Amino acid sequence: AHGAVVAEGGRTVGVLGGGHDRLFPKAHERLAEAIVKGGGAIVSELAPETNPSRGTFPRRNRLVSGLSDATVVVEADVEVAH
């Protein structure tokens, strides 16, 4: 989605699940640079050297939902009641 926005000349905000020095996945470095160059932003509430981990992504998702007008779930696990 971020790539499509950048390709159309729009602005977007990427929220990291780790620190700015630990971009994950590493393959998104060029996309992150293009977002900033296009007037968007890459943000994180974590210290730059914080590695992304299983526990940091729920924190990131909290920020994403706070920045959003709406949330669309594209893929999710099916929850099974026990």
Protein backbone atom coordinates (compact mmCIF):
# COMPACT_ATOMS: atom_id res chain seq x y z
CA ALA A 1 0.00 0.00 0.00
CA HIS A 2 2.82 2.43 0.84
CA GLY A 3 4.51 1.68 -2.48
CA ALA A 4 1.31 2.43 -4.39
CA VAL A 5 0.88 5.75 -2.60
CA VAL A 6 4.47 6.76 -3.36
CA ALA A 7 4.11 5.67 -7.01
CA GLU A 8 1.06 7.96 -7.36
CA GLY A 9 2.89 10.91 -5.78
CA GLY A 10 0.95 10.78 -2.52
CA ARG A 11 2.17 11.03 1.06
CA THR A 12 2.04 8.21 3.57
CA VAL A 13 3.28 7.43 7.08
CA GLY A 14 5.04 4.14 7.86
CA VAL A 15 5.02 3.03 11.49
CA LEU A 16 7.92 0.75 12.42
CA GLY A 17 7.78 -2.29 14.68
CA GLY A 18 11.33 -1.54 15.82
CA GLY A 19 13.72 1.37 15.94
CA HIS A 20 14.80 3.47 12.97
CA ASP A 21 18.19 1.75 12.87
CA ARG A 22 16.53 -1.70 12.64
CA LEU A 23 14.21 -1.43 9.64
CA PHE A 24 12.38 -4.72 9.08
CA PRO A 25 12.32 -6.22 6.60
CA LYS A 26 15.61 -4.82 5.37
CA ALA A 27 14.33 -4.93 1.79
CA HIS A 28 12.05 -1.98 2.58
CA GLU A 29 14.92 0.51 2.96
CA ARG A 30 14.38 2.00 -0.51
CA LEU A 31 10.64 2.27 0.10
CA ALA A 32 11.27 4.06 3.41
CA GLU A 33 13.60 6.51 1.66
CA ALA A 34 11.01 7.12 -1.07
CA ILE A 35 8.29 7.76 1.53
CA VAL A 36 10.39 10.44 3.24
CA LYS A 37 11.56 11.94 -0.06
CA GLY A 38 7.90 12.22 -1.12
CA GLY A 39 6.99 14.23 1.97
CA GLY A 40 5.78 11.34 4.12
CA ALA A 41 7.28 10.01 7.33
CA ILE A 42 8.68 6.88 8.95
CA VAL A 43 7.87 6.91 12.67
CA SER A 44 8.55 4.73 15.69
CA GLU A 45 8.02 5.17 19.40
CA LEU A 46 11.00 2.92 20.07
CA ALA A 47 14.66 3.82 20.50
CA PRO A 48 16.62 3.67 17.20
CA GLU A 49 18.55 0.54 18.17
CA THR A 50 15.46 -1.47 19.26
CA ASN A 51 15.16 -4.72 17.32
CA PRO A 52 11.71 -5.59 16.02
CA SER A 53 10.27 -8.55 17.90
CA ARG A 54 7.03 -10.37 18.48
CA GLY A 55 6.20 -7.94 21.28
CA THR A 56 6.92 -4.71 19.42
CA PHE A 57 4.41 -5.19 16.61
CA PRO A 58 1.27 -5.01 18.79
CA ARG A 59 2.65 -1.70 20.13
CA ARG A 60 3.12 -0.53 16.54
CA ASN A 61 -0.42 -1.59 15.63
CA ARG A 62 -1.78 0.58 18.44
CA LEU A 63 -0.14 3.60 16.80
CA VAL A 64 -1.36 2.64 13.34
CA SER A 65 -4.95 2.42 14.57
CA GLY A 66 -4.63 5.79 16.31
CA LEU A 67 -3.40 7.43 13.10
CA SER A 68 -6.09 5.84 10.93
CA ASP A 69 -9.55 7.00 9.92
CA ALA A 70 -10.41 3.37 9.18
CA THR A 71 -8.78 -0.04 9.42
CA VAL A 72 -9.17 -2.76 6.82
CA VAL A 73 -7.96 -6.25 7.78
CA VAL A 74 -6.55 -7.82 4.64
CA GLU A 75 -5.42 -11.10 6.18
CA ALA A 76 -5.96 -12.57 9.62
CA ASP A 77 -6.00 -15.97 11.32
CA VAL A 78 -9.33 -17.55 12.03
CA GLU A 79 -9.99 -17.50 15.75
CA VAL A 80 -11.24 -20.83 17.01
CA ALA A 81 -13.19 -20.96 20.28
CA HIS A 82 -12.21 -23.81 22.57
